[in-house]
PDB file of N, CA and C in Angstrom:
ATOM      1  N   MET A   1      -8.331   8.941  11.215  1.00  0.00           N
ATOM      2  CA  MET A   1      -7.488   8.115  11.460  1.00  0.00           C
ATOM      3  C   MET A   1      -6.808   9.517  11.938  1.00  0.00           C
ATOM      4  N   ARG A   2      -7.685  10.703  12.360  1.00  0.00           N
ATOM      5  CA  ARG A   2      -6.443  11.867  13.832  1.00  0.00           C
ATOM      6  C   ARG A   2      -6.837  10.771  14.422  1.00  0.00           C
ATOM      7  N   HIS A   3      -7.801  10.396  15.476  1.00  0.00           N
ATOM      8  CA  HIS A   3      -8.523   9.916  16.210  1.00  0.00           C
ATOM      9  C   HIS A   3      -7.834   8.818  16.456  1.00  0.00           C
ATOM     10  N   ALA A   4      -7.052   7.843  15.410  1.00  0.00           N
ATOM     11  CA  ALA A   4      -5.696   7.029  16.123  1.00  0.00           C
ATOM     12  C   ALA A   4      -4.788   7.486  16.121  1.00  0.00           C
ATOM     13  N   LEU A   5      -4.631   8.059  15.332  1.00  0.00           N
ATOM     14  CA  LEU A   5      -2.915   8.686  15.096  1.00  0.00           C
ATOM     15  C   LEU A   5      -3.170   9.473  16.478  1.00  0.00           C
ATOM     16  N   LYS A   6      -3.771   9.869  17.260  1.00  0.00           N
ATOM     17  CA  LYS A   6      -4.032  10.691  18.758  1.00  0.00           C
ATOM     18  C   LYS A   6      -3.798   9.084  19.771  1.00  0.00           C
ATOM     19  N   LEU A   7      -4.684   8.167  19.611  1.00  0.00           N
ATOM     20  CA  LEU A   7      -4.728   7.175  20.504  1.00  0.00           C
ATOM     21  C   LEU A   7      -3.146   6.165  20.210  1.00  0.00           C
ATOM     22  N   LEU A   8      -2.094   6.216  18.941  1.00  0.00           N
ATOM     23  CA  LEU A   8      -1.298   5.549  18.880  1.00  0.00           C
ATOM     24  C   LEU A   8      -0.175   6.794  19.327  1.00  0.00           C
ATOM     25  N   GLY A   9      -0.656   7.941  19.390  1.00  0.00           N
ATOM     26  CA  GLY A   9       0.374   8.885  20.367  1.00  0.00           C
ATOM     27  C   GLY A   9       1.260   9.198  19.132  1.00  0.00           C
ATOM     28  N   THR A  10       1.640   9.613  17.996  1.00  0.00           N
ATOM     29  CA  THR A  10       2.425   9.206  17.122  1.00  0.00           C
ATOM     30  C   THR A  10       1.429  10.337  15.835  1.00  0.00           C
ATOM     31  N   THR A  11       2.342  10.573  15.118  1.00  0.00           N
ATOM     32  CA  THR A  11       1.942  11.655  13.255  1.00  0.00           C
ATOM     33  C   THR A  11       2.163  11.327  12.720  1.00  0.00           C
ATOM     34  N   PRO A  12       1.437  11.496  11.680  1.00  0.00           N
ATOM     35  CA  PRO A  12       1.560  11.312  10.125  1.00  0.00           C
ATOM     36  C   PRO A  12       2.786  10.886   9.106  1.00  0.00           C
ATOM     37  N   GLU A  13       4.083  11.812   9.788  1.00  0.00           N
ATOM     38  CA  GLU A  13       4.921  11.386   9.450  1.00  0.00           C
ATOM     39  C   GLU A  13       6.166   9.738   9.857  1.00  0.00           C
ATOM     40  N   GLU A  14       5.303   9.569  11.226  1.00  0.00           N
ATOM     41  CA  GLU A  14       5.947   8.700  11.161  1.00  0.00           C
ATOM     42  C   GLU A  14       4.887   7.216  11.406  1.00  0.00           C
ATOM     43  N   THR A  15       4.126   6.999  10.892  1.00  0.00           N
ATOM     44  CA  THR A  15       2.861   6.666  10.989  1.00  0.00           C
ATOM     45  C   THR A  15       2.331   5.878   9.305  1.00  0.00           C
ATOM     46  N   VAL A  16       2.535   4.999   8.896  1.00  0.00           N
ATOM     47  CA  VAL A  16       2.005   4.065   7.387  1.00  0.00           C
ATOM     48  C   VAL A  16       0.696   3.525   8.209  1.00  0.00           C
ATOM     49  N   ILE A  17       0.330   3.232   6.607  1.00  0.00           N
ATOM     50  CA  ILE A  17      -1.202   2.140   6.472  1.00  0.00           C
ATOM     51  C   ILE A  17      -1.079   1.367   5.348  1.00  0.00           C
ATOM     52  N   VAL A  18      -1.355  -0.165   6.226  1.00  0.00           N
ATOM     53  CA  VAL A  18      -1.093  -0.978   5.508  1.00  0.00           C
ATOM     54  C   VAL A  18      -2.545  -1.822   5.081  1.00  0.00           C
ATOM     55  N   GLY A  19      -3.018  -1.829   4.277  1.00  0.00           N
ATOM     56  CA  GLY A  19      -4.310  -2.878   3.757  1.00  0.00           C
ATOM     57  C   GLY A  19      -4.296  -3.096   2.775  1.00  0.00           C
ATOM     58  N   ASP A  20      -5.506  -4.086   2.214  1.00  0.00           N
ATOM     59  CA  ASP A  20      -5.382  -4.715   1.679  1.00  0.00           C
ATOM     60  C   ASP A  20      -6.546  -4.328   0.401  1.00  0.00           C
ATOM     61  N   ARG A  21      -7.177  -3.207   0.429  1.00  0.00           N
ATOM     62  CA  ARG A  21      -8.118  -2.483  -0.371  1.00  0.00           C
ATOM     63  C   ARG A  21      -7.961  -1.004  -1.172  1.00  0.00           C
ATOM     64  N   MET A  22      -7.996  -0.937  -1.815  1.00  0.00           N
ATOM     65  CA  MET A  22      -7.340   0.567  -2.676  1.00  0.00           C
ATOM     66  C   MET A  22      -8.540   1.815  -2.363  1.00  0.00           C
ATOM     67  N   ASP A  23      -9.702   1.093  -2.809  1.00  0.00           N
ATOM     68  CA  ASP A  23     -10.561   2.008  -2.060  1.00  0.00           C
ATOM     69  C   ASP A  23     -11.448   2.498  -0.491  1.00  0.00           C
ATOM     70  N   THR A  24     -10.638   2.304   0.110  1.00  0.00           N
ATOM     71  CA  THR A  24     -10.374   2.223   1.530  1.00  0.00           C
ATOM     72  C   THR A  24      -9.845   2.502   2.344  1.00  0.00           C
ATOM     73  N   ASP A  25      -9.058   1.326   2.603  1.00  0.00           N
ATOM     74  CA  ASP A  25      -7.554   1.703   3.247  1.00  0.00           C
ATOM     75  C   ASP A  25      -5.751   2.090   2.630  1.00  0.00           C
ATOM     76  N   ILE A  26      -6.656   2.547   1.673  1.00  0.00           N
ATOM     77  CA  ILE A  26      -5.250   2.650   0.272  1.00  0.00           C
ATOM     78  C   ILE A  26      -5.645   4.755   0.557  1.00  0.00           C
ATOM     79  N   ILE A  27      -6.909   4.938   0.218  1.00  0.00           N
ATOM     80  CA  ILE A  27      -7.464   5.972  -0.093  1.00  0.00           C
ATOM     81  C   ILE A  27      -7.328   7.012   0.752  1.00  0.00           C
ATOM     82  N   ALA A  28      -7.947   6.540   2.256  1.00  0.00           N
ATOM     83  CA  ALA A  28      -8.094   6.201   3.655  1.00  0.00           C
ATOM     84  C   ALA A  28      -6.539   7.040   4.159  1.00  0.00           C
ATOM     85  N   GLY A  29      -5.249   6.000   3.976  1.00  0.00           N
ATOM     86  CA  GLY A  29      -4.224   6.873   3.448  1.00  0.00           C
ATOM     87  C   GLY A  29      -3.954   8.472   3.460  1.00  0.00           C
ATOM     88  N   ILE A  30      -3.998   7.842   1.627  1.00  0.00           N
ATOM     89  CA  ILE A  30      -3.390   9.181   1.494  1.00  0.00           C
ATOM     90  C   ILE A  30      -4.183  10.959   1.917  1.00  0.00           C
ATOM     91  N   GLU A  31      -5.529  10.531   2.372  1.00  0.00           N
ATOM     92  CA  GLU A  31      -6.238  11.382   2.050  1.00  0.00           C
ATOM     93  C   GLU A  31      -5.625  11.935   3.447  1.00  0.00           C
ATOM     94  N   SER A  32      -5.332  11.147   4.163  1.00  0.00           N
ATOM     95  CA  SER A  32      -4.811  11.266   5.722  1.00  0.00           C
ATOM     96  C   SER A  32      -3.331  11.651   5.729  1.00  0.00           C
ATOM     97  N   GLU A  33      -3.091  11.661   4.662  1.00  0.00           N
ATOM     98  CA  GLU A  33      -1.524  11.928   4.270  1.00  0.00           C
ATOM     99  C   GLU A  33      -0.414  11.465   5.075  1.00  0.00           C
ATOM    100  N   LEU A  34      -0.461  10.451   5.660  1.00  0.00           N
ATOM    101  CA  LEU A  34       0.317   9.066   5.635  1.00  0.00           C
ATOM    102  C   LEU A  34       0.606   7.976   4.207  1.00  0.00           C
ATOM    103  N   GLU A  35       1.850   7.116   4.543  1.00  0.00           N
ATOM    104  CA  GLU A  35       2.330   6.627   4.423  1.00  0.00           C
ATOM    105  C   GLU A  35       1.428   5.317   3.522  1.00  0.00           C
ATOM    106  N   THR A  36       1.984   4.863   2.115  1.00  0.00           N
ATOM    107  CA  THR A  36       0.945   3.873   2.199  1.00  0.00           C
ATOM    108  C   THR A  36       1.533   2.409   1.440  1.00  0.00           C
ATOM    109  N   VAL A  37       0.931   1.386   2.658  1.00  0.00           N
ATOM    110  CA  VAL A  37       1.583   0.134   1.824  1.00  0.00           C
ATOM    111  C   VAL A  37       0.046  -0.267   1.066  1.00  0.00           C
ATOM    112  N   LEU A  38       0.922  -1.433   0.256  1.00  0.00           N
ATOM    113  CA  LEU A  38      -0.735  -2.298  -0.063  1.00  0.00           C
ATOM    114  C   LEU A  38      -0.271  -3.734  -0.184  1.00  0.00           C
ATOM    115  N   VAL A  39      -1.111  -4.082   0.562  1.00  0.00           N
ATOM    116  CA  VAL A  39      -0.551  -6.471   0.525  1.00  0.00           C
ATOM    117  C   VAL A  39      -1.822  -6.916  -0.367  1.00  0.00           C
ATOM    118  N   LEU A  40      -0.928  -7.562  -1.165  1.00  0.00           N
ATOM    119  CA  LEU A  40      -2.040  -7.842  -2.472  1.00  0.00           C
ATOM    120  C   LEU A  40      -2.228  -9.607  -2.555  1.00  0.00           C
ATOM    121  N   SER A  41      -2.174  -9.499  -1.385  1.00  0.00           N
ATOM    122  CA  SER A  41      -2.984 -10.953  -0.435  1.00  0.00           C
ATOM    123  C   SER A  41      -4.552 -11.037  -0.003  1.00  0.00           C
ATOM    124  N   GLY A  42      -5.272  -9.923  -0.362  1.00  0.00           N
ATOM    125  CA  GLY A  42      -5.947  -9.548  -0.555  1.00  0.00           C
ATOM    126  C   GLY A  42      -6.756  -9.004  -1.186  1.00  0.00           C
ATOM    127  N   VAL A  43      -7.954  -8.126  -1.421  1.00  0.00           N
ATOM    128  CA  VAL A  43      -9.296  -7.434  -2.149  1.00  0.00           C
ATOM    129  C   VAL A  43      -8.566  -7.648  -3.379  1.00  0.00           C
ATOM    130  N   THR A  44      -7.376  -6.133  -3.294  1.00  0.00           N
ATOM    131  CA  THR A  44      -7.415  -5.456  -4.586  1.00  0.00           C
ATOM    132  C   THR A  44      -5.757  -5.895  -5.289  1.00  0.00           C
ATOM    133  N   ASN A  45      -5.281  -6.866  -6.091  1.00  0.00           N
ATOM    134  CA  ASN A  45      -4.564  -7.924  -6.681  1.00  0.00           C
ATOM    135  C   ASN A  45      -3.426  -6.315  -7.749  1.00  0.00           C
ATOM    136  N   GLN A  46      -3.011  -6.626  -8.826  1.00  0.00           N
ATOM    137  CA  GLN A  46      -2.192  -6.162  -9.900  1.00  0.00           C
ATOM    138  C   GLN A  46      -2.792  -6.079 -11.221  1.00  0.00           C
ATOM    139  N   THR A  47      -3.896  -6.308 -11.347  1.00  0.00           N
ATOM    140  CA  THR A  47      -4.914  -6.308 -12.284  1.00  0.00           C
ATOM    141  C   THR A  47      -6.024  -4.985 -12.047  1.00  0.00           C
ATOM    142  N   ASN A  48      -6.207  -5.269 -10.780  1.00  0.00           N
ATOM    143  CA  ASN A  48      -7.842  -3.988 -10.606  1.00  0.00           C
ATOM    144  C   ASN A  48      -6.456  -3.298 -10.440  1.00  0.00           C
ATOM    145  N   LEU A  49      -5.483  -2.840  -9.719  1.00  0.00           N
ATOM    146  CA  LEU A  49      -4.544  -1.735  -8.855  1.00  0.00           C
ATOM    147  C   LEU A  49      -4.389  -0.391 -10.211  1.00  0.00           C
ATOM    148  N   LYS A  50      -3.907  -1.275 -11.444  1.00  0.00           N
ATOM    149  CA  LYS A  50      -4.315  -0.272 -12.422  1.00  0.00           C
ATOM    150  C   LYS A  50      -5.297   0.290 -12.456  1.00  0.00           C
ATOM    151  N   THR A  51      -6.173  -0.104 -11.786  1.00  0.00           N
ATOM    152  CA  THR A  51      -7.839   0.821 -12.328  1.00  0.00           C
ATOM    153  C   THR A  51      -8.163   1.560 -11.578  1.00  0.00           C
ATOM    154  N   PHE A  52      -7.193   2.346 -11.089  1.00  0.00           N
ATOM    155  CA  PHE A  52      -7.185   3.384  -9.603  1.00  0.00           C
ATOM    156  C   PHE A  52      -5.938   4.293 -10.285  1.00  0.00           C
ATOM    157  N   GLY A  53      -7.323   5.688 -10.046  1.00  0.00           N
ATOM    158  CA  GLY A  53      -6.094   7.031 -10.022  1.00  0.00           C
ATOM    159  C   GLY A  53      -5.263   7.094  -9.307  1.00  0.00           C
ATOM    160  N   TYR A  54      -5.022   6.715  -8.502  1.00  0.00           N
ATOM    161  CA  TYR A  54      -3.688   6.619  -7.248  1.00  0.00           C
ATOM    162  C   TYR A  54      -3.402   5.815  -7.005  1.00  0.00           C
ATOM    163  N   ARG A  55      -2.101   6.162  -6.001  1.00  0.00           N
ATOM    164  CA  ARG A  55      -1.282   4.805  -5.955  1.00  0.00           C
ATOM    165  C   ARG A  55      -0.982   5.085  -4.934  1.00  0.00           C
ATOM    166  N   PRO A  56      -0.886   3.736  -4.065  1.00  0.00           N
ATOM    167  CA  PRO A  56       0.254   3.373  -2.772  1.00  0.00           C
ATOM    168  C   PRO A  56       1.825   3.446  -2.822  1.00  0.00           C
ATOM    169  N   ASN A  57       2.028   4.251  -1.998  1.00  0.00           N
ATOM    170  CA  ASN A  57       3.606   4.425  -1.648  1.00  0.00           C
ATOM    171  C   ASN A  57       4.660   3.402  -2.075  1.00  0.00           C
ATOM    172  N   ILE A  58       3.783   1.981  -1.549  1.00  0.00           N
ATOM    173  CA  ILE A  58       4.710   1.020  -1.603  1.00  0.00           C
ATOM    174  C   ILE A  58       3.743  -0.282  -2.022  1.00  0.00           C
ATOM    175  N   VAL A  59       4.045  -1.608  -3.147  1.00  0.00           N
ATOM    176  CA  VAL A  59       2.687  -2.470  -2.972  1.00  0.00           C
ATOM    177  C   VAL A  59       3.812  -3.593  -2.710  1.00  0.00           C
ATOM    178  N   LEU A  60       3.537  -4.809  -2.057  1.00  0.00           N
ATOM    179  CA  LEU A  60       3.911  -6.105  -1.624  1.00  0.00           C
ATOM    180  C   LEU A  60       3.132  -7.240  -1.619  1.00  0.00           C
ATOM    181  N   ASN A  61       3.210  -8.575  -2.253  1.00  0.00           N
ATOM    182  CA  ASN A  61       2.704  -9.387  -2.609  1.00  0.00           C
ATOM    183  C   ASN A  61       1.728  -9.707  -1.017  1.00  0.00           C
ATOM    184  N   GLY A  62       2.477  -9.688   0.162  1.00  0.00           N
ATOM    185  CA  GLY A  62       1.585  -9.758   0.937  1.00  0.00           C
ATOM    186  C   GLY A  62       2.317  -9.251   2.602  1.00  0.00           C
ATOM    187  N   VAL A  63       1.688  -9.175   3.624  1.00  0.00           N
ATOM    188  CA  VAL A  63       1.592  -8.583   5.732  1.00  0.00           C
ATOM    189  C   VAL A  63       3.383  -9.546   5.094  1.00  0.00           C
ATOM    190  N   GLY A  64       3.522 -10.702   5.418  1.00  0.00           N
ATOM    191  CA  GLY A  64       5.265 -11.682   5.449  1.00  0.00           C
ATOM    192  C   GLY A  64       6.064 -10.730   4.725  1.00  0.00           C
ATOM    193  N   ASP A  65       6.277  -9.733   3.953  1.00  0.00           N
ATOM    194  CA  ASP A  65       6.745  -8.944   2.668  1.00  0.00           C
ATOM    195  C   ASP A  65       7.215  -7.058   3.758  1.00  0.00           C
ATOM    196  N   ILE A  66       6.303  -7.653   4.637  1.00  0.00           N
ATOM    197  CA  ILE A  66       6.271  -6.511   5.449  1.00  0.00           C
ATOM    198  C   ILE A  66       7.523  -6.272   5.780  1.00  0.00           C
ATOM    199  N   LEU A  67       8.033  -6.751   6.728  1.00  0.00           N
ATOM    200  CA  LEU A  67       9.677  -6.903   6.896  1.00  0.00           C
ATOM    201  C   LEU A  67      11.111  -6.605   5.984  1.00  0.00           C
ATOM    202  N   ALA A  68      10.611  -6.839   5.139  1.00  0.00           N
ATOM    203  CA  ALA A  68      12.180  -6.972   4.069  1.00  0.00           C
ATOM    204  C   ALA A  68      11.807  -5.311   3.015  1.00  0.00           C
ATOM    205  N   ALA A  69      10.032  -4.884   3.388  1.00  0.00           N
ATOM    206  CA  ALA A  69      10.337  -3.640   2.996  1.00  0.00           C
ATOM    207  C   ALA A  69      11.308  -2.751   3.133  1.00  0.00           C
ATOM    208  N   PRO A  70      11.535  -1.703   2.056  1.00  0.00           N
ATOM    209  CA  PRO A  70      12.159  -0.148   2.460  1.00  0.00           C
ATOM    210  C   PRO A  70      12.177   0.286   3.234  1.00  0.00           C
TER     211      PRO A  70
END
């Protein structure tokens, strides 16, 4: 993630990670101190989301909902 931030020229405070997997995308964002957005249109769904001991900052139904997110 540090390499990606360097390539993008951004800081963790101004960067979010969007993903559909709690066990890869979201945990990587949390460990990198990024804001995390989980989209439920992929691997993780409402049911198995409850099985994880950590949570994303925002949960959306799909990537199409990103523009309407807070």
